PDB file of N, CA and C in Angstrom:
ATOM      1  N   MET A   1     -25.722  22.768  -9.316  1.00  0.00           N
ATOM      2  CA  MET A   1     -24.933  21.566  -9.438  1.00  0.00           C
ATOM      3  C   MET A   1     -23.686  21.686  -8.549  1.00  0.00           C
ATOM      4  N   ARG A   2     -23.414  20.656  -7.770  1.00  0.00           N
ATOM      5  CA  ARG A   2     -22.275  20.672  -6.857  1.00  0.00           C
ATOM      6  C   ARG A   2     -20.987  20.357  -7.608  1.00  0.00           C
ATOM      7  N   PRO A   3     -19.926  21.033  -7.214  1.00  0.00           N
ATOM      8  CA  PRO A   3     -18.646  20.688  -7.843  1.00  0.00           C
ATOM      9  C   PRO A   3     -18.233  19.272  -7.463  1.00  0.00           C
ATOM     10  N   ARG A   4     -17.635  18.598  -8.399  1.00  0.00           N
ATOM     11  CA  ARG A   4     -17.208  17.224  -8.164  1.00  0.00           C
ATOM     12  C   ARG A   4     -16.028  17.197  -7.201  1.00  0.00           C
ATOM     13  N   LYS A   5     -16.136  16.371  -6.191  1.00  0.00           N
ATOM     14  CA  LYS A   5     -15.075  16.261  -5.188  1.00  0.00           C
ATOM     15  C   LYS A   5     -13.959  15.382  -5.748  1.00  0.00           C
ATOM     16  N   ARG A   6     -12.769  15.901  -5.768  1.00  0.00           N
ATOM     17  CA  ARG A   6     -11.628  15.153  -6.302  1.00  0.00           C
ATOM     18  C   ARG A   6     -10.847  14.498  -5.173  1.00  0.00           C
ATOM     19  N   ARG A   7     -10.462  13.272  -5.412  1.00  0.00           N
ATOM     20  CA  ARG A   7      -9.609  12.580  -4.441  1.00  0.00           C
ATOM     21  C   ARG A   7      -8.194  13.113  -4.563  1.00  0.00           C
ATOM     22  N   PRO A   8      -7.454  13.107  -3.457  1.00  0.00           N
ATOM     23  CA  PRO A   8      -6.062  13.534  -3.562  1.00  0.00           C
ATOM     24  C   PRO A   8      -5.287  12.584  -4.454  1.00  0.00           C
ATOM     25  N   ARG A   9      -4.425  13.124  -5.257  1.00  0.00           N
ATOM     26  CA  ARG A   9      -3.638  12.302  -6.175  1.00  0.00           C
ATOM     27  C   ARG A   9      -2.609  11.505  -5.386  1.00  0.00           C
ATOM     28  N   VAL A  10      -2.568  10.221  -5.630  1.00  0.00           N
ATOM     29  CA  VAL A  10      -1.618   9.337  -4.958  1.00  0.00           C
ATOM     30  C   VAL A  10      -0.526   8.994  -5.959  1.00  0.00           C
ATOM     31  N   ALA A  11       0.704   9.113  -5.533  1.00  0.00           N
ATOM     32  CA  ALA A  11       1.821   8.778  -6.412  1.00  0.00           C
ATOM     33  C   ALA A  11       1.793   7.291  -6.741  1.00  0.00           C
ATOM     34  N   ALA A  12       2.300   6.953  -7.910  1.00  0.00           N
ATOM     35  CA  ALA A  12       2.326   5.560  -8.341  1.00  0.00           C
ATOM     36  C   ALA A  12       3.146   4.722  -7.365  1.00  0.00           C
ATOM     37  N   LEU A  13       2.778   3.474  -7.224  1.00  0.00           N
ATOM     38  CA  LEU A  13       3.485   2.549  -6.331  1.00  0.00           C
ATOM     39  C   LEU A  13       4.564   1.848  -7.153  1.00  0.00           C
ATOM     40  N   PRO A  14       5.810   2.348  -7.097  1.00  0.00           N
ATOM     41  CA  PRO A  14       6.865   1.743  -7.919  1.00  0.00           C
ATOM     42  C   PRO A  14       7.329   0.413  -7.333  1.00  0.00           C
ATOM     43  N   ILE A  15       7.955  -0.392  -8.163  1.00  0.00           N
ATOM     44  CA  ILE A  15       8.542  -1.639  -7.680  1.00  0.00           C
ATOM     45  C   ILE A  15       9.866  -1.274  -7.018  1.00  0.00           C
ATOM     46  N   GLN A  16       9.995  -1.611  -5.739  1.00  0.00           N
ATOM     47  CA  GLN A  16      11.220  -1.325  -4.998  1.00  0.00           C
ATOM     48  C   GLN A  16      11.405  -2.380  -3.912  1.00  0.00           C
ATOM     49  N   ALA A  17      12.594  -2.445  -3.346  1.00  0.00           N
ATOM     50  CA  ALA A  17      12.922  -3.480  -2.359  1.00  0.00           C
ATOM     51  C   ALA A  17      12.166  -3.300  -1.049  1.00  0.00           C
ATOM     52  N   LEU A  18      12.036  -2.065  -0.579  1.00  0.00           N
ATOM     53  CA  LEU A  18      11.356  -1.759   0.682  1.00  0.00           C
ATOM     54  C   LEU A  18      10.270  -0.724   0.436  1.00  0.00           C
ATOM     55  N   TYR A  19       9.125  -0.936   1.076  1.00  0.00           N
ATOM     56  CA  TYR A  19       8.019   0.012   0.977  1.00  0.00           C
ATOM     57  C   TYR A  19       7.720   0.596   2.343  1.00  0.00           C
ATOM     58  N   PRO A  20       7.549   1.914   2.416  1.00  0.00           N
ATOM     59  CA  PRO A  20       7.050   2.472   3.678  1.00  0.00           C
ATOM     60  C   PRO A  20       5.643   1.933   3.936  1.00  0.00           C
ATOM     61  N   LEU A  21       5.402   1.502   5.138  1.00  0.00           N
ATOM     62  CA  LEU A  21       4.103   0.927   5.491  1.00  0.00           C
ATOM     63  C   LEU A  21       2.972   1.903   5.189  1.00  0.00           C
ATOM     64  N   SER A  22       3.191   3.178   5.424  1.00  0.00           N
ATOM     65  CA  SER A  22       2.150   4.176   5.181  1.00  0.00           C
ATOM     66  C   SER A  22       1.805   4.283   3.695  1.00  0.00           C
ATOM     67  N   HIS A  23       2.793   4.151   2.796  1.00  0.00           N
ATOM     68  CA  HIS A  23       2.518   4.208   1.357  1.00  0.00           C
ATOM     69  C   HIS A  23       1.708   2.996   0.910  1.00  0.00           C
ATOM     70  N   LEU A  24       2.043   1.832   1.449  1.00  0.00           N
ATOM     71  CA  LEU A  24       1.269   0.632   1.127  1.00  0.00           C
ATOM     72  C   LEU A  24      -0.171   0.775   1.603  1.00  0.00           C
ATOM     73  N   ALA A  25      -0.340   1.323   2.795  1.00  0.00           N
ATOM     74  CA  ALA A  25      -1.683   1.491   3.348  1.00  0.00           C
ATOM     75  C   ALA A  25      -2.517   2.422   2.470  1.00  0.00           C
ATOM     76  N   VAL A  26      -1.924   3.516   2.015  1.00  0.00           N
ATOM     77  CA  VAL A  26      -2.647   4.445   1.138  1.00  0.00           C
ATOM     78  C   VAL A  26      -3.007   3.758  -0.172  1.00  0.00           C
ATOM     79  N   ALA A  27      -2.056   3.010  -0.741  1.00  0.00           N
ATOM     80  CA  ALA A  27      -2.317   2.309  -2.003  1.00  0.00           C
ATOM     81  C   ALA A  27      -3.429   1.273  -1.855  1.00  0.00           C
ATOM     82  N   MET A  28      -3.553   0.685  -0.658  1.00  0.00           N
ATOM     83  CA  MET A  28      -4.580  -0.332  -0.423  1.00  0.00           C
ATOM     84  C   MET A  28      -5.885   0.254   0.080  1.00  0.00           C
ATOM     85  N   GLY A  29      -5.849   1.515   0.490  1.00  0.00           N
ATOM     86  CA  GLY A  29      -7.073   2.154   0.971  1.00  0.00           C
ATOM     87  C   GLY A  29      -7.454   1.760   2.387  1.00  0.00           C
ATOM     88  N   VAL A  30      -6.461   1.446   3.207  1.00  0.00           N
ATOM     89  CA  VAL A  30      -6.711   1.099   4.614  1.00  0.00           C
ATOM     90  C   VAL A  30      -5.829   1.973   5.494  1.00  0.00           C
ATOM     91  N   SER A  31      -6.134   2.006   6.786  1.00  0.00           N
ATOM     92  CA  SER A  31      -5.300   2.774   7.697  1.00  0.00           C
ATOM     93  C   SER A  31      -3.969   2.042   7.906  1.00  0.00           C
ATOM     94  N   HIS A  32      -2.944   2.801   8.263  1.00  0.00           N
ATOM     95  CA  HIS A  32      -1.643   2.161   8.469  1.00  0.00           C
ATOM     96  C   HIS A  32      -1.673   1.222   9.667  1.00  0.00           C
ATOM     97  N   ARG A  33      -2.491   1.524  10.657  1.00  0.00           N
ATOM     98  CA  ARG A  33      -2.598   0.632  11.823  1.00  0.00           C
ATOM     99  C   ARG A  33      -3.265  -0.693  11.454  1.00  0.00           C
ATOM    100  N   ARG A  34      -4.284  -0.641  10.620  1.00  0.00           N
ATOM    101  CA  ARG A  34      -4.948  -1.878  10.183  1.00  0.00           C
ATOM    102  C   ARG A  34      -3.983  -2.736   9.374  1.00  0.00           C
ATOM    103  N   LEU A  35      -3.232  -2.098   8.483  1.00  0.00           N
ATOM    104  CA  LEU A  35      -2.264  -2.841   7.684  1.00  0.00           C
ATOM    105  C   LEU A  35      -1.174  -3.430   8.588  1.00  0.00           C
ATOM    106  N   GLN A  36      -0.754  -2.666   9.565  1.00  0.00           N
ATOM    107  CA  GLN A  36       0.260  -3.151  10.508  1.00  0.00           C
ATOM    108  C   GLN A  36      -0.240  -4.400  11.244  1.00  0.00           C
ATOM    109  N   ARG A  37      -1.486  -4.386  11.692  1.00  0.00           N
ATOM    110  CA  ARG A  37      -2.055  -5.556  12.391  1.00  0.00           C
ATOM    111  C   ARG A  37      -2.168  -6.748  11.445  1.00  0.00           C
ATOM    112  N   LEU A  38      -2.570  -6.490  10.214  1.00  0.00           N
ATOM    113  CA  LEU A  38      -2.701  -7.569   9.238  1.00  0.00           C
ATOM    114  C   LEU A  38      -1.343  -8.208   8.952  1.00  0.00           C
ATOM    115  N   LEU A  39      -0.325  -7.387   8.757  1.00  0.00           N
ATOM    116  CA  LEU A  39       1.012  -7.927   8.486  1.00  0.00           C
ATOM    117  C   LEU A  39       1.547  -8.709   9.686  1.00  0.00           C
ATOM    118  N   LYS A  40       1.266  -8.220  10.882  1.00  0.00           N
ATOM    119  CA  LYS A  40       1.702  -8.935  12.083  1.00  0.00           C
ATOM    120  C   LYS A  40       0.999 -10.289  12.183  1.00  0.00           C
ATOM    121  N   ALA A  41      -0.288 -10.329  11.877  1.00  0.00           N
ATOM    122  CA  ALA A  41      -1.047 -11.587  11.926  1.00  0.00           C
ATOM    123  C   ALA A  41      -0.514 -12.599  10.917  1.00  0.00           C
ATOM    124  N   GLU A  42       0.002 -12.103   9.787  1.00  0.00           N
ATOM    125  CA  GLU A  42       0.538 -12.992   8.749  1.00  0.00           C
ATOM    126  C   GLU A  42       2.033 -13.244   8.918  1.00  0.00           C
ATOM    127  N   ASP A  43       2.607 -12.746  10.019  1.00  0.00           N
ATOM    128  CA  ASP A  43       4.012 -12.953  10.352  1.00  0.00           C
ATOM    129  C   ASP A  43       4.965 -12.359   9.309  1.00  0.00           C
ATOM    130  N   VAL A  44       4.587 -11.199   8.766  1.00  0.00           N
ATOM    131  CA  VAL A  44       5.435 -10.487   7.811  1.00  0.00           C
ATOM    132  C   VAL A  44       6.425  -9.643   8.605  1.00  0.00           C
ATOM    133  N   LYS A  45       7.691  -9.746   8.253  1.00  0.00           N
ATOM    134  CA  LYS A  45       8.733  -8.996   8.942  1.00  0.00           C
ATOM    135  C   LYS A  45       8.661  -7.530   8.516  1.00  0.00           C
ATOM    136  N   VAL A  46       8.537  -6.630   9.483  1.00  0.00           N
ATOM    137  CA  VAL A  46       8.486  -5.188   9.244  1.00  0.00           C
ATOM    138  C   VAL A  46       9.683  -4.574   9.952  1.00  0.00           C
ATOM    139  N   TYR A  47      10.435  -3.757   9.238  1.00  0.00           N
ATOM    140  CA  TYR A  47      11.615  -3.115   9.800  1.00  0.00           C
ATOM    141  C   TYR A  47      11.280  -1.692  10.217  1.00  0.00           C
ATOM    142  N   ARG A  48      11.847  -1.281  11.345  1.00  0.00           N
ATOM    143  CA  ARG A  48      11.613   0.071  11.849  1.00  0.00           C
ATOM    144  C   ARG A  48      12.932   0.837  11.810  1.00  0.00           C
ATOM    145  N   ALA A  49      12.866   2.041  11.250  1.00  0.00           N
ATOM    146  CA  ALA A  49      14.009   2.957  11.234  1.00  0.00           C
ATOM    147  C   ALA A  49      13.507   4.272  11.820  1.00  0.00           C
ATOM    148  N   GLY A  50      13.659   4.423  13.111  1.00  0.00           N
ATOM    149  CA  GLY A  50      13.078   5.583  13.795  1.00  0.00           C
ATOM    150  C   GLY A  50      11.563   5.444  13.793  1.00  0.00           C
ATOM    151  N   ARG A  51      10.868   6.411  13.218  1.00  0.00           N
ATOM    152  CA  ARG A  51       9.411   6.349  13.127  1.00  0.00           C
ATOM    153  C   ARG A  51       8.934   5.671  11.841  1.00  0.00           C
ATOM    154  N   LEU A  52       9.865   5.468  10.914  1.00  0.00           N
ATOM    155  CA  LEU A  52       9.533   4.895   9.607  1.00  0.00           C
ATOM    156  C   LEU A  52       9.465   3.373   9.706  1.00  0.00           C
ATOM    157  N   MET A  53       8.384   2.798   9.206  1.00  0.00           N
ATOM    158  CA  MET A  53       8.246   1.347   9.173  1.00  0.00           C
ATOM    159  C   MET A  53       8.323   0.904   7.711  1.00  0.00           C
ATOM    160  N   LEU A  54       9.213  -0.053   7.444  1.00  0.00           N
ATOM    161  CA  LEU A  54       9.463  -0.515   6.083  1.00  0.00           C
ATOM    162  C   LEU A  54       9.110  -1.989   5.943  1.00  0.00           C
ATOM    163  N   VAL A  55       8.486  -2.311   4.813  1.00  0.00           N
ATOM    164  CA  VAL A  55       8.070  -3.687   4.532  1.00  0.00           C
ATOM    165  C   VAL A  55       8.820  -4.154   3.288  1.00  0.00           C
ATOM    166  N   PRO A  56       9.573  -5.254   3.379  1.00  0.00           N
ATOM    167  CA  PRO A  56      10.284  -5.772   2.203  1.00  0.00           C
ATOM    168  C   PRO A  56       9.317  -6.375   1.182  1.00  0.00           C
ATOM    169  N   LEU A  57       9.592  -6.119  -0.072  1.00  0.00           N
ATOM    170  CA  LEU A  57       8.782  -6.680  -1.154  1.00  0.00           C
ATOM    171  C   LEU A  57       8.797  -8.203  -1.105  1.00  0.00           C
ATOM    172  N   SER A  58       9.948  -8.776  -0.793  1.00  0.00           N
ATOM    173  CA  SER A  58      10.058 -10.241  -0.748  1.00  0.00           C
ATOM    174  C   SER A  58       9.115 -10.837   0.300  1.00  0.00           C
ATOM    175  N   GLU A  59       8.947 -10.156   1.434  1.00  0.00           N
ATOM    176  CA  GLU A  59       8.031 -10.632   2.472  1.00  0.00           C
ATOM    177  C   GLU A  59       6.585 -10.586   1.973  1.00  0.00           C
ATOM    178  N   LEU A  60       6.232  -9.521   1.280  1.00  0.00           N
ATOM    179  CA  LEU A  60       4.861  -9.405   0.761  1.00  0.00           C
ATOM    180  C   LEU A  60       4.582 -10.502  -0.258  1.00  0.00           C
ATOM    181  N   GLU A  61       5.509 -10.686  -1.194  1.00  0.00           N
ATOM    182  CA  GLU A  61       5.312 -11.689  -2.239  1.00  0.00           C
ATOM    183  C   GLU A  61       5.276 -13.107  -1.670  1.00  0.00           C
ATOM    184  N   GLU A  62       6.095 -13.371  -0.663  1.00  0.00           N
ATOM    185  CA  GLU A  62       6.205 -14.721  -0.108  1.00  0.00           C
ATOM    186  C   GLU A  62       5.075 -15.059   0.854  1.00  0.00           C
ATOM    187  N   LYS A  63       4.762 -14.137   1.763  1.00  0.00           N
ATOM    188  CA  LYS A  63       3.835 -14.462   2.849  1.00  0.00           C
ATOM    189  C   LYS A  63       2.401 -14.021   2.601  1.00  0.00           C
ATOM    190  N   VAL A  64       2.199 -12.976   1.832  1.00  0.00           N
ATOM    191  CA  VAL A  64       0.832 -12.505   1.551  1.00  0.00           C
ATOM    192  C   VAL A  64       0.709 -12.107   0.072  1.00  0.00           C
ATOM    193  N   PRO A  65       0.865 -13.073  -0.842  1.00  0.00           N
ATOM    194  CA  PRO A  65       0.825 -12.734  -2.268  1.00  0.00           C
ATOM    195  C   PRO A  65      -0.521 -12.134  -2.699  1.00  0.00           C
ATOM    196  N   ALA A  66      -1.603 -12.573  -2.078  1.00  0.00           N
ATOM    197  CA  ALA A  66      -2.912 -12.019  -2.449  1.00  0.00           C
ATOM    198  C   ALA A  66      -2.993 -10.541  -2.080  1.00  0.00           C
ATOM    199  N   LEU A  67      -2.427 -10.177  -0.956  1.00  0.00           N
ATOM    200  CA  LEU A  67      -2.406  -8.780  -0.526  1.00  0.00           C
ATOM    201  C   LEU A  67      -1.567  -7.934  -1.476  1.00  0.00           C
ATOM    202  N   TRP A  68      -0.425  -8.452  -1.897  1.00  0.00           N
ATOM    203  CA  TRP A  68       0.438  -7.741  -2.823  1.00  0.00           C
ATOM    204  C   TRP A  68      -0.257  -7.540  -4.166  1.00  0.00           C
ATOM    205  N   GLU A  69      -0.901  -8.572  -4.663  1.00  0.00           N
ATOM    206  CA  GLU A  69      -1.622  -8.459  -5.942  1.00  0.00           C
ATOM    207  C   GLU A  69      -2.770  -7.456  -5.819  1.00  0.00           C
ATOM    208  N   SER A  70      -3.448  -7.451  -4.686  1.00  0.00           N
ATOM    209  CA  SER A  70      -4.541  -6.503  -4.465  1.00  0.00           C
ATOM    210  C   SER A  70      -4.027  -5.067  -4.448  1.00  0.00           C
ATOM    211  N   ALA A  71      -2.897  -4.849  -3.824  1.00  0.00           N
ATOM    212  CA  ALA A  71      -2.311  -3.504  -3.776  1.00  0.00           C
ATOM    213  C   ALA A  71      -1.943  -3.042  -5.175  1.00  0.00           C
ATOM    214  N   ARG A  72      -1.352  -3.922  -5.967  1.00  0.00           N
ATOM    215  CA  ARG A  72      -1.003  -3.566  -7.344  1.00  0.00           C
ATOM    216  C   ARG A  72      -2.249  -3.297  -8.172  1.00  0.00           C
ATOM    217  N   ALA A  73      -3.281  -4.108  -7.999  1.00  0.00           N
ATOM    218  CA  ALA A  73      -4.528  -3.914  -8.754  1.00  0.00           C
ATOM    219  C   ALA A  73      -5.214  -2.608  -8.363  1.00  0.00           C
ATOM    220  N   ALA A  74      -5.247  -2.321  -7.070  1.00  0.00           N
ATOM    221  CA  ALA A  74      -5.871  -1.076  -6.600  1.00  0.00           C
ATOM    222  C   ALA A  74      -5.118   0.134  -7.132  1.00  0.00           C
ATOM    223  N   GLU A  75      -3.805   0.053  -7.159  1.00  0.00           N
ATOM    224  CA  GLU A  75      -2.996   1.164  -7.660  1.00  0.00           C
ATOM    225  C   GLU A  75      -3.237   1.382  -9.152  1.00  0.00           C
ATOM    226  N   SER A  76      -3.270   0.308  -9.933  1.00  0.00           N
ATOM    227  CA  SER A  76      -3.484   0.469 -11.374  1.00  0.00           C
ATOM    228  C   SER A  76      -4.893   0.980 -11.665  1.00  0.00           C
ATOM    229  N   LEU A  77      -5.878   0.536 -10.901  1.00  0.00           N
ATOM    230  CA  LEU A  77      -7.242   1.032 -11.073  1.00  0.00           C
ATOM    231  C   LEU A  77      -7.318   2.512 -10.708  1.00  0.00           C
ATOM    232  N   ARG A  78      -6.671   2.884  -9.628  1.00  0.00           N
ATOM    233  CA  ARG A  78      -6.650   4.298  -9.215  1.00  0.00           C
ATOM    234  C   ARG A  78      -6.043   5.170 -10.300  1.00  0.00           C
ATOM    235  N   ARG A  79      -4.946   4.710 -10.892  1.00  0.00           N
ATOM    236  CA  ARG A  79      -4.302   5.467 -11.975  1.00  0.00           C
ATOM    237  C   ARG A  79      -5.211   5.583 -13.183  1.00  0.00           C
ATOM    238  N   ALA A  80      -5.902   4.495 -13.518  1.00  0.00           N
ATOM    239  CA  ALA A  80      -6.802   4.518 -14.669  1.00  0.00           C
ATOM    240  C   ALA A  80      -7.950   5.495 -14.444  1.00  0.00           C
ATOM    241  N   LEU A  81      -8.500   5.519 -13.231  1.00  0.00           N
ATOM    242  CA  LEU A  81      -9.591   6.437 -12.922  1.00  0.00           C
ATOM    243  C   LEU A  81      -9.121   7.888 -12.904  1.00  0.00           C
ATOM    244  N   ASP A  82      -7.911   8.129 -12.427  1.00  0.00           N
ATOM    245  CA  ASP A  82      -7.385   9.488 -12.401  1.00  0.00           C
ATOM    246  C   ASP A  82      -7.092  10.006 -13.802  1.00  0.00           C
ATOM    247  N   ASP A  83      -6.700   9.099 -14.691  1.00  0.00           N
ATOM    248  CA  ASP A  83      -6.393   9.499 -16.079  1.00  0.00           C
ATOM    249  C   ASP A  83      -7.667   9.754 -16.892  1.00  0.00           C
ATOM    250  N   ALA A  84      -8.774   9.163 -16.467  1.00  0.00           N
ATOM    251  CA  ALA A  84     -10.025   9.305 -17.231  1.00  0.00           C
ATOM    252  C   ALA A  84     -10.686  10.639 -17.009  1.00  0.00           C
TER     253      ALA A  84
END
């Protein structure tokens, strides 16, 4: 019998004013480049601080509410599966 492969534990996605783009991408299960292209297509303002790219919560809720709800749902499902 093969040992069960465990996914890396992802920290919970807390409610905060700015999200690192990479954390959102992990929570959604997509690459950061794909998420970056999607946000650009939806005209979401992304702030850059050096190499760090930050996405405001207000932009997600206003311009792509379905994406924000999906990220929250994926995160809660991931937590439920990890706890089981």
